[in-house]
Every structure is written in structure tokens, then in C-alpha cells.
PDB file of N, CA and C in Angstrom:
ATOM      1  N   MET A   1      75.473  79.596  41.460  1.00  0.00           N
ATOM      2  CA  MET A   1      75.240  78.330  40.799  1.00  0.00           C
ATOM      3  C   MET A   1      75.338  78.474  39.276  1.00  0.00           C
ATOM      4  N   LEU A   2      74.873  79.596  38.784  1.00  0.00           N
ATOM      5  CA  LEU A   2      74.886  79.843  37.352  1.00  0.00           C
ATOM      6  C   LEU A   2      76.293  80.055  36.821  1.00  0.00           C
ATOM      7  N   TYR A   3      77.204  80.463  37.689  1.00  0.00           N
ATOM      8  CA  TYR A   3      78.575  80.778  37.280  1.00  0.00           C
ATOM      9  C   TYR A   3      79.306  79.586  36.683  1.00  0.00           C
ATOM     10  N   LYS A   4      78.921  78.366  37.038  1.00  0.00           N
ATOM     11  CA  LYS A   4      79.632  77.204  36.502  1.00  0.00           C
ATOM     12  C   LYS A   4      79.296  76.940  35.032  1.00  0.00           C
ATOM     13  N   TYR A   5      78.236  77.565  34.523  1.00  0.00           N
ATOM     14  CA  TYR A   5      77.871  77.409  33.117  1.00  0.00           C
ATOM     15  C   TYR A   5      78.530  78.454  32.223  1.00  0.00           C
ATOM     16  N   ILE A   6      79.102  79.489  32.820  1.00  0.00           N
ATOM     17  CA  ILE A   6      79.737  80.552  32.037  1.00  0.00           C
ATOM     18  C   ILE A   6      80.897  80.025  31.195  1.00  0.00           C
ATOM     19  N   PRO A   7      81.814  79.203  31.744  1.00  0.00           N
ATOM     20  CA  PRO A   7      82.889  78.672  30.887  1.00  0.00           C
ATOM     21  C   PRO A   7      82.364  77.827  29.723  1.00  0.00           C
ATOM     22  N   VAL A   8      81.321  77.072  29.954  1.00  0.00           N
ATOM     23  CA  VAL A   8      80.737  76.249  28.889  1.00  0.00           C
ATOM     24  C   VAL A   8      80.151  77.145  27.798  1.00  0.00           C
ATOM     25  N   LEU A   9      79.465  78.194  28.212  1.00  0.00           N
ATOM     26  CA  LEU A   9      78.871  79.124  27.253  1.00  0.00           C
ATOM     27  C   LEU A   9      79.944  79.860  26.458  1.00  0.00           C
ATOM     28  N   THR A  10      80.985  80.321  27.131  1.00  0.00           N
ATOM     29  CA  THR A  10      82.054  81.030  26.412  1.00  0.00           C
ATOM     30  C   THR A  10      82.787  80.093  25.459  1.00  0.00           C
ATOM     31  N   ASP A  11      83.026  78.860  25.878  1.00  0.00           N
ATOM     32  CA  ASP A  11      83.658  77.885  24.983  1.00  0.00           C
ATOM     33  C   ASP A  11      82.796  77.640  23.746  1.00  0.00           C
ATOM     34  N   PHE A  12      81.489  77.547  23.951  1.00  0.00           N
ATOM     35  CA  PHE A  12      80.579  77.326  22.830  1.00  0.00           C
ATOM     36  C   PHE A  12      80.612  78.501  21.858  1.00  0.00           C
ATOM     37  N   VAL A  13      80.533  79.719  22.390  1.00  0.00           N
ATOM     38  CA  VAL A  13      80.512  80.914  21.538  1.00  0.00           C
ATOM     39  C   VAL A  13      81.820  81.051  20.771  1.00  0.00           C
ATOM     40  N   VAL A  14      82.940  80.894  21.457  1.00  0.00           N
ATOM     41  CA  VAL A  14      84.244  80.999  20.791  1.00  0.00           C
ATOM     42  C   VAL A  14      84.400  79.879  19.761  1.00  0.00           C
ATOM     43  N   GLY A  15      83.974  78.680  20.104  1.00  0.00           N
ATOM     44  CA  GLY A  15      84.036  77.563  19.162  1.00  0.00           C
ATOM     45  C   GLY A  15      83.184  77.804  17.926  1.00  0.00           C
ATOM     46  N   LEU A  16      82.011  78.386  18.116  1.00  0.00           N
ATOM     47  CA  LEU A  16      81.131  78.704  16.992  1.00  0.00           C
ATOM     48  C   LEU A  16      81.768  79.762  16.090  1.00  0.00           C
ATOM     49  N   ILE A  17      82.357  80.782  16.696  1.00  0.00           N
ATOM     50  CA  ILE A  17      83.045  81.820  15.916  1.00  0.00           C
ATOM     51  C   ILE A  17      84.192  81.205  15.118  1.00  0.00           C
ATOM     52  N   GLU A  18      84.981  80.360  15.771  1.00  0.00           N
ATOM     53  CA  GLU A  18      86.106  79.714  15.086  1.00  0.00           C
ATOM     54  C   GLU A  18      85.617  78.831  13.940  1.00  0.00           C
ATOM     55  N   PHE A  19      84.539  78.095  14.167  1.00  0.00           N
ATOM     56  CA  PHE A  19      83.991  77.222  13.128  1.00  0.00           C
ATOM     57  C   PHE A  19      83.517  78.031  11.920  1.00  0.00           C
ATOM     58  N   LEU A  20      82.752  79.094  12.180  1.00  0.00           N
ATOM     59  CA  LEU A  20      82.226  79.906  11.082  1.00  0.00           C
ATOM     60  C   LEU A  20      83.344  80.582  10.296  1.00  0.00           C
ATOM     61  N   LEU A  21      84.340  81.116  11.000  1.00  0.00           N
ATOM     62  CA  LEU A  21      85.453  81.756  10.296  1.00  0.00           C
ATOM     63  C   LEU A  21      86.272  80.734   9.510  1.00  0.00           C
ATOM     64  N   SER A  22      86.470  79.554  10.076  1.00  0.00           N
ATOM     65  CA  SER A  22      87.201  78.497   9.360  1.00  0.00           C
ATOM     66  C   SER A  22      86.463  78.099   8.089  1.00  0.00           C
ATOM     67  N   LEU A  23      85.159  77.975   8.202  1.00  0.00           N
ATOM     68  CA  LEU A  23      84.345  77.626   7.040  1.00  0.00           C
ATOM     69  C   LEU A  23      84.412  78.724   5.979  1.00  0.00           C
ATOM     70  N   ARG A  24      84.386  79.974   6.413  1.00  0.00           N
ATOM     71  CA  ARG A  24      84.501  81.098   5.469  1.00  0.00           C
ATOM     72  C   ARG A  24      85.836  81.045   4.741  1.00  0.00           C
ATOM     73  N   ILE A  25      86.920  80.840   5.489  1.00  0.00           N
ATOM     74  CA  ILE A  25      88.256  80.774   4.888  1.00  0.00           C
ATOM     75  C   ILE A  25      88.316  79.647   3.867  1.00  0.00           C
ATOM     76  N   LEU A  26      87.772  78.490   4.227  1.00  0.00           N
ATOM     77  CA  LEU A  26      87.784  77.336   3.330  1.00  0.00           C
ATOM     78  C   LEU A  26      86.966  77.597   2.066  1.00  0.00           C
ATOM     79  N   LEU A  27      85.768  78.149   2.228  1.00  0.00           N
ATOM     80  CA  LEU A  27      84.921  78.410   1.063  1.00  0.00           C
ATOM     81  C   LEU A  27      85.529  79.468   0.149  1.00  0.00           C
ATOM     82  N   LYS A  28      86.145  80.497   0.730  1.00  0.00           N
ATOM     83  CA  LYS A  28      86.834  81.510  -0.088  1.00  0.00           C
ATOM     84  C   LYS A  28      88.001  80.876  -0.831  1.00  0.00           C
ATOM     85  N   LEU A  29      88.738  80.026  -0.127  1.00  0.00           N
ATOM     86  CA  LEU A  29      89.903  79.376  -0.720  1.00  0.00           C
ATOM     87  C   LEU A  29      89.499  78.471  -1.879  1.00  0.00           C
ATOM     88  N   LEU A  30      88.353  77.827  -1.746  1.00  0.00           N
ATOM     89  CA  LEU A  30      87.876  76.925  -2.797  1.00  0.00           C
ATOM     90  C   LEU A  30      87.080  77.645  -3.884  1.00  0.00           C
ATOM     91  N   GLY A  31      86.864  78.943  -3.713  1.00  0.00           N
ATOM     92  CA  GLY A  31      86.151  79.720  -4.728  1.00  0.00           C
ATOM     93  C   GLY A  31      84.664  79.457  -4.768  1.00  0.00           C
ATOM     94  N   ALA A  32      84.047  79.268  -3.608  1.00  0.00           N
ATOM     95  CA  ALA A  32      82.608  78.997  -3.552  1.00  0.00           C
ATOM     96  C   ALA A  32      81.816  80.175  -4.113  1.00  0.00           C
ATOM     97  N   SER A  33      80.741  79.870  -4.810  1.00  0.00           N
ATOM     98  CA  SER A  33      79.903  80.885  -5.446  1.00  0.00           C
ATOM     99  C   SER A  33      79.049  81.611  -4.412  1.00  0.00           C
ATOM    100  N   THR A  34      79.052  82.933  -4.488  1.00  0.00           N
ATOM    101  CA  THR A  34      78.214  83.724  -3.580  1.00  0.00           C
ATOM    102  C   THR A  34      76.741  83.676  -3.984  1.00  0.00           C
ATOM    103  N   ASN A  35      76.444  83.047  -5.112  1.00  0.00           N
ATOM    104  CA  ASN A  35      75.048  82.862  -5.518  1.00  0.00           C
ATOM    105  C   ASN A  35      74.372  81.768  -4.701  1.00  0.00           C
ATOM    106  N   ALA A  36      75.154  80.901  -4.087  1.00  0.00           N
ATOM    107  CA  ALA A  36      74.592  79.856  -3.236  1.00  0.00           C
ATOM    108  C   ALA A  36      74.099  80.495  -1.937  1.00  0.00           C
ATOM    109  N   PRO A  37      72.865  80.210  -1.536  1.00  0.00           N
ATOM    110  CA  PRO A  37      72.306  80.850  -0.337  1.00  0.00           C
ATOM    111  C   PRO A  37      73.137  80.624   0.931  1.00  0.00           C
ATOM    112  N   PHE A  38      73.649  79.417   1.118  1.00  0.00           N
ATOM    113  CA  PHE A  38      74.431  79.150   2.323  1.00  0.00           C
ATOM    114  C   PHE A  38      75.715  79.966   2.340  1.00  0.00           C
ATOM    115  N   VAL A  39      76.388  80.038   1.208  1.00  0.00           N
ATOM    116  CA  VAL A  39      77.645  80.794   1.118  1.00  0.00           C
ATOM    117  C   VAL A  39      77.373  82.271   1.375  1.00  0.00           C
ATOM    118  N   SER A  40      76.328  82.791   0.767  1.00  0.00           N
ATOM    119  CA  SER A  40      75.953  84.187   0.971  1.00  0.00           C
ATOM    120  C   SER A  40      75.627  84.454   2.441  1.00  0.00           C
ATOM    121  N   TRP A  41      74.855  83.557   3.053  1.00  0.00           N
ATOM    122  CA  TRP A  41      74.521  83.695   4.475  1.00  0.00           C
ATOM    123  C   TRP A  41      75.777  83.680   5.336  1.00  0.00           C
ATOM    124  N   LEU A  42      76.685  82.758   5.052  1.00  0.00           N
ATOM    125  CA  LEU A  42      77.910  82.644   5.849  1.00  0.00           C
ATOM    126  C   LEU A  42      78.761  83.903   5.736  1.00  0.00           C
ATOM    127  N   TYR A  43      78.926  84.414   4.533  1.00  0.00           N
ATOM    128  CA  TYR A  43      79.723  85.631   4.338  1.00  0.00           C
ATOM    129  C   TYR A  43      79.081  86.820   5.052  1.00  0.00           C
ATOM    130  N   ASN A  44      77.759  86.931   4.964  1.00  0.00           N
ATOM    131  CA  ASN A  44      77.057  88.028   5.647  1.00  0.00           C
ATOM    132  C   ASN A  44      77.131  87.893   7.164  1.00  0.00           C
ATOM    133  N   THR A  45      77.066  86.674   7.663  1.00  0.00           N
ATOM    134  CA  THR A  45      77.108  86.435   9.104  1.00  0.00           C
ATOM    135  C   THR A  45      78.490  86.708   9.683  1.00  0.00           C
ATOM    136  N   THR A  46      79.524  86.348   8.947  1.00  0.00           N
ATOM    137  CA  THR A  46      80.884  86.510   9.470  1.00  0.00           C
ATOM    138  C   THR A  46      81.482  87.887   9.194  1.00  0.00           C
ATOM    139  N   SER A  47      80.854  88.673   8.344  1.00  0.00           N
ATOM    140  CA  SER A  47      81.389  90.011   8.043  1.00  0.00           C
ATOM    141  C   SER A  47      81.561  90.889   9.283  1.00  0.00           C
ATOM    142  N   PRO A  48      80.589  90.939  10.209  1.00  0.00           N
ATOM    143  CA  PRO A  48      80.805  91.751  11.415  1.00  0.00           C
ATOM    144  C   PRO A  48      81.976  91.258  12.274  1.00  0.00           C
ATOM    145  N   LEU A  49      82.231  89.956  12.249  1.00  0.00           N
ATOM    146  CA  LEU A  49      83.360  89.411  13.009  1.00  0.00           C
ATOM    147  C   LEU A  49      84.693  89.837  12.408  1.00  0.00           C
ATOM    148  N   LEU A  50      84.690  90.084  11.104  1.00  0.00           N
ATOM    149  CA  LEU A  50      85.919  90.469  10.409  1.00  0.00           C
ATOM    150  C   LEU A  50      86.122  91.978  10.333  1.00  0.00           C
ATOM    151  N   ALA A  51      85.101  92.750  10.692  1.00  0.00           N
ATOM    152  CA  ALA A  51      85.179  94.212  10.561  1.00  0.00           C
ATOM    153  C   ALA A  51      86.412  94.822  11.239  1.00  0.00           C
ATOM    154  N   PRO A  52      86.781  94.404  12.457  1.00  0.00           N
ATOM    155  CA  PRO A  52      87.972  95.010  13.080  1.00  0.00           C
ATOM    156  C   PRO A  52      89.277  94.677  12.354  1.00  0.00           C
ATOM    157  N   PHE A  53      89.259  93.646  11.538  1.00  0.00           N
ATOM    158  CA  PHE A  53      90.475  93.180  10.871  1.00  0.00           C
ATOM    159  C   PHE A  53      90.489  93.500   9.374  1.00  0.00           C
ATOM    160  N   GLU A  54      89.450  94.174   8.919  1.00  0.00           N
ATOM    161  CA  GLU A  54      89.290  94.447   7.490  1.00  0.00           C
ATOM    162  C   GLU A  54      90.472  95.248   6.939  1.00  0.00           C
ATOM    163  N   ASN A  55      90.974  94.801   5.809  1.00  0.00           N
ATOM    164  CA  ASN A  55      92.096  95.437   5.102  1.00  0.00           C
ATOM    165  C   ASN A  55      93.395  95.467   5.903  1.00  0.00           C
ATOM    166  N   MET A  56      93.492  94.639   6.915  1.00  0.00           N
ATOM    167  CA  MET A  56      94.727  94.566   7.690  1.00  0.00           C
ATOM    168  C   MET A  56      95.839  93.929   6.860  1.00  0.00           C
ATOM    169  N   PHE A  57      95.461  92.916   6.100  1.00  0.00           N
ATOM    170  CA  PHE A  57      96.396  92.215   5.220  1.00  0.00           C
ATOM    171  C   PHE A  57      95.776  92.140   3.831  1.00  0.00           C
ATOM    172  N   PRO A  58      96.602  92.013   2.805  1.00  0.00           N
ATOM    173  CA  PRO A  58      96.031  91.919   1.456  1.00  0.00           C
ATOM    174  C   PRO A  58      95.321  90.577   1.241  1.00  0.00           C
ATOM    175  N   THR A  59      94.301  90.632   0.414  1.00  0.00           N
ATOM    176  CA  THR A  59      93.607  89.419  -0.006  1.00  0.00           C
ATOM    177  C   THR A  59      94.301  88.921  -1.264  1.00  0.00           C
ATOM    178  N   THR A  60      94.687  87.652  -1.272  1.00  0.00           N
ATOM    179  CA  THR A  60      95.421  87.078  -2.395  1.00  0.00           C
ATOM    180  C   THR A  60      94.470  86.290  -3.285  1.00  0.00           C
ATOM    181  N   ASN A  61      94.406  86.665  -4.552  1.00  0.00           N
ATOM    182  CA  ASN A  61      93.602  85.937  -5.536  1.00  0.00           C
ATOM    183  C   ASN A  61      94.527  85.046  -6.352  1.00  0.00           C
ATOM    184  N   PHE A  62      94.209  83.764  -6.387  1.00  0.00           N
ATOM    185  CA  PHE A  62      95.029  82.804  -7.115  1.00  0.00           C
ATOM    186  C   PHE A  62      94.503  82.525  -8.514  1.00  0.00           C
ATOM    187  N   GLY A  63      93.436  83.168  -8.918  1.00  0.00           N
ATOM    188  CA  GLY A  63      92.837  82.907 -10.224  1.00  0.00           C
ATOM    189  C   GLY A  63      91.790  81.814 -10.115  1.00  0.00           C
ATOM    190  N   GLY A  64      90.806  81.861 -10.978  1.00  0.00           N
ATOM    191  CA  GLY A  64      89.749  80.855 -10.949  1.00  0.00           C
ATOM    192  C   GLY A  64      88.819  81.013  -9.758  1.00  0.00           C
ATOM    193  N   GLY A  65      88.856  82.169  -9.106  1.00  0.00           N
ATOM    194  CA  GLY A  65      87.987  82.408  -7.957  1.00  0.00           C
ATOM    195  C   GLY A  65      88.577  81.983  -6.632  1.00  0.00           C
ATOM    196  N   PHE A  66      89.756  81.389  -6.641  1.00  0.00           N
ATOM    197  CA  PHE A  66      90.391  80.951  -5.400  1.00  0.00           C
ATOM    198  C   PHE A  66      90.998  82.160  -4.692  1.00  0.00           C
ATOM    199  N   THR A  67      90.610  82.373  -3.444  1.00  0.00           N
ATOM    200  CA  THR A  67      91.019  83.565  -2.708  1.00  0.00           C
ATOM    201  C   THR A  67      91.480  83.186  -1.306  1.00  0.00           C
ATOM    202  N   LEU A  68      92.565  83.798  -0.882  1.00  0.00           N
ATOM    203  CA  LEU A  68      93.031  83.636   0.500  1.00  0.00           C
ATOM    204  C   LEU A  68      92.860  84.964   1.214  1.00  0.00           C
ATOM    205  N   GLU A  69      91.970  84.989   2.195  1.00  0.00           N
ATOM    206  CA  GLU A  69      91.747  86.178   3.008  1.00  0.00           C
ATOM    207  C   GLU A  69      92.661  86.104   4.225  1.00  0.00           C
ATOM    208  N   ALA A  70      93.801  86.750   4.137  1.00  0.00           N
ATOM    209  CA  ALA A  70      94.748  86.722   5.248  1.00  0.00           C
ATOM    210  C   ALA A  70      94.164  87.403   6.481  1.00  0.00           C
ATOM    211  N   SER A  71      93.348  88.418   6.282  1.00  0.00           N
ATOM    212  CA  SER A  71      92.717  89.102   7.415  1.00  0.00           C
ATOM    213  C   SER A  71      91.777  88.158   8.167  1.00  0.00           C
ATOM    214  N   ALA A  72      91.063  87.314   7.436  1.00  0.00           N
ATOM    215  CA  ALA A  72      90.169  86.347   8.074  1.00  0.00           C
ATOM    216  C   ALA A  72      90.965  85.303   8.844  1.00  0.00           C
ATOM    217  N   LEU A  73      92.085  84.903   8.291  1.00  0.00           N
ATOM    218  CA  LEU A  73      92.952  83.951   8.988  1.00  0.00           C
ATOM    219  C   LEU A  73      93.498  84.568  10.271  1.00  0.00           C
ATOM    220  N   PHE A  74      93.916  85.826  10.196  1.00  0.00           N
ATOM    221  CA  PHE A  74      94.404  86.524  11.382  1.00  0.00           C
ATOM    222  C   PHE A  74      93.286  86.682  12.413  1.00  0.00           C
ATOM    223  N   ALA A  75      92.069  86.989  11.951  1.00  0.00           N
ATOM    224  CA  ALA A  75      90.921  87.114  12.851  1.00  0.00           C
ATOM    225  C   ALA A  75      90.647  85.795  13.559  1.00  0.00           C
ATOM    226  N   LEU A  76      90.720  84.693  12.818  1.00  0.00           N
ATOM    227  CA  LEU A  76      90.517  83.371  13.405  1.00  0.00           C
ATOM    228  C   LEU A  76      91.521  83.115  14.525  1.00  0.00           C
ATOM    229  N   LEU A  77      92.779  83.398  14.264  1.00  0.00           N
ATOM    230  CA  LEU A  77      93.817  83.200  15.278  1.00  0.00           C
ATOM    231  C   LEU A  77      93.618  84.130  16.471  1.00  0.00           C
ATOM    232  N   THR A  78      93.202  85.354  16.204  1.00  0.00           N
ATOM    233  CA  THR A  78      92.969  86.316  17.288  1.00  0.00           C
ATOM    234  C   THR A  78      91.809  85.884  18.172  1.00  0.00           C
ATOM    235  N   TYR A  79      90.702  85.462  17.565  1.00  0.00           N
ATOM    236  CA  TYR A  79      89.559  84.998  18.354  1.00  0.00           C
ATOM    237  C   TYR A  79      89.917  83.745  19.155  1.00  0.00           C
ATOM    238  N   ALA A  80      90.707  82.864  18.579  1.00  0.00           N
ATOM    239  CA  ALA A  80      91.139  81.666  19.306  1.00  0.00           C
ATOM    240  C   ALA A  80      91.995  82.060  20.510  1.00  0.00           C
ATOM    241  N   PHE A  81      92.913  83.001  20.309  1.00  0.00           N
ATOM    242  CA  PHE A  81      93.760  83.467  21.408  1.00  0.00           C
ATOM    243  C   PHE A  81      92.922  84.147  22.488  1.00  0.00           C
ATOM    244  N   LEU A  82      91.979  84.995  22.084  1.00  0.00           N
ATOM    245  CA  LEU A  82      91.116  85.661  23.060  1.00  0.00           C
ATOM    246  C   LEU A  82      90.255  84.654  23.819  1.00  0.00           C
ATOM    247  N   GLY A  83      89.818  83.606  23.136  1.00  0.00           N
ATOM    248  CA  GLY A  83      89.061  82.552  23.803  1.00  0.00           C
ATOM    249  C   GLY A  83      89.887  81.839  24.857  1.00  0.00           C
ATOM    250  N   LEU A  84      91.142  81.542  24.522  1.00  0.00           N
ATOM    251  CA  LEU A  84      92.031  80.908  25.501  1.00  0.00           C
ATOM    252  C   LEU A  84      92.304  81.835  26.675  1.00  0.00           C
ATOM    253  N   LEU A  85      92.479  83.108  26.390  1.00  0.00           N
ATOM    254  CA  LEU A  85      92.713  84.097  27.435  1.00  0.00           C
ATOM    255  C   LEU A  85      91.501  84.212  28.358  1.00  0.00           C
ATOM    256  N   LEU A  86      90.320  84.247  27.777  1.00  0.00           N
ATOM    257  CA  LEU A  86      89.093  84.325  28.564  1.00  0.00           C
ATOM    258  C   LEU A  86      88.897  83.072  29.405  1.00  0.00           C
ATOM    259  N   GLU A  87      89.179  81.921  28.827  1.00  0.00           N
ATOM    260  CA  GLU A  87      89.068  80.663  29.568  1.00  0.00           C
ATOM    261  C   GLU A  87      90.042  80.637  30.743  1.00  0.00           C
ATOM    262  N   SER A  88      91.246  81.111  30.519  1.00  0.00           N
ATOM    263  CA  SER A  88      92.242  81.173  31.585  1.00  0.00           C
ATOM    264  C   SER A  88      91.791  82.115  32.697  1.00  0.00           C
ATOM    265  N   LEU A  89      91.234  83.253  32.321  1.00  0.00           N
ATOM    266  CA  LEU A  89      90.741  84.214  33.305  1.00  0.00           C
ATOM    267  C   LEU A  89      89.604  83.621  34.123  1.00  0.00           C
ATOM    268  N   LEU A  90      88.679  82.948  33.459  1.00  0.00           N
ATOM    269  CA  LEU A  90      87.561  82.326  34.172  1.00  0.00           C
ATOM    270  C   LEU A  90      88.041  81.232  35.119  1.00  0.00           C
ATOM    271  N   ASN A  91      89.018  80.448  34.697  1.00  0.00           N
ATOM    272  CA  ASN A  91      89.577  79.417  35.579  1.00  0.00           C
ATOM    273  C   ASN A  91      90.268  80.041  36.781  1.00  0.00           C
ATOM    274  N   HIS A  92      90.950  81.156  36.563  1.00  0.00           N
ATOM    275  CA  HIS A  92      91.619  81.860  37.657  1.00  0.00           C
ATOM    276  C   HIS A  92      90.587  82.397  38.651  1.00  0.00           C
ATOM    277  N   LEU A  93      89.523  82.990  38.143  1.00  0.00           N
ATOM    278  CA  LEU A  93      88.469  83.507  39.021  1.00  0.00           C
ATOM    279  C   LEU A  93      87.771  82.380  39.776  1.00  0.00           C
ATOM    280  N   LYS A  94      87.605  81.254  39.122  1.00  0.00           N
ATOM    281  CA  LYS A  94      86.990  80.090  39.766  1.00  0.00           C
ATOM    282  C   LYS A  94      87.873  79.585  40.898  1.00  0.00           C
ATOM    283  N   ALA A  95      89.193  79.574  40.673  1.00  0.00           N
ATOM    284  CA  ALA A  95      90.128  79.129  41.706  1.00  0.00           C
ATOM    285  C   ALA A  95      90.128  80.091  42.887  1.00  0.00           C
ATOM    286  N   LEU A  96      89.978  81.377  42.640  1.00  0.00           N
ATOM    287  CA  LEU A  96      89.933  82.361  43.721  1.00  0.00           C
ATOM    288  C   LEU A  96      88.674  82.209  44.562  1.00  0.00           C
ATOM    289  N   LYS A  97      87.594  81.801  43.932  1.00  0.00           N
ATOM    290  CA  LYS A  97      86.314  81.654  44.626  1.00  0.00           C
ATOM    291  C   LYS A  97      86.333  80.492  45.617  1.00  0.00           C
ATOM    292  N   LYS A  98      87.152  79.485  45.329  1.00  0.00           N
ATOM    293  CA  LYS A  98      87.200  78.299  46.202  1.00  0.00           C
ATOM    294  C   LYS A  98      87.872  78.571  47.485  1.00  0.00           C
TER     295      LYS A  98
END
């Protein structure tokens, strides 16, 4: 009975990861100050998610604090792909159970 909640939980977790990484990319791109508590919290929270992708691509600084973290963008796409893959696997297992 509990198995039917697993896809909902995985969708929520993957969606939360995607949201946090998207917000990080946006705040970095806009040059948000790390002195702001929320920005600092977000960067600290998402750092472990980015660890496997760290230094994979160069970080581009546009001046004025505007930064594009290509590694974070790649991580976002990778987590989204893994989420779709996991969802597909769960749907396949659900179909086998029927």
C-alpha cells in the first residue's frame, strides 16, 4: 500500500532539488550578495548537491558580480534527467506488479 506514495515522494524530492538549484543559478547570475542570510543558506544547502559536478565546467564572471555557474546548470539538467529515469523505472515496476 505504501508503494503508491513512492513516486509522489520521489517527484517531490527531485522537484525540490531542481527548484533549489534553479534558484541558486538565478541568484548567482543576478549577483546576489552572500551577506544576505537566505542567499548564504541557499548556497550552503546546494553545495553538497553540486559536489559531484564541481569544477567540471568553468565559472564565467561577467563583471559586477554576475556569475554563470555552468557546473550548476549541468547538475540541474543531470538531476532532472535522473528524476525522469527514476520515474520511468518506478512506472515500469508498477506495471509489472499489476
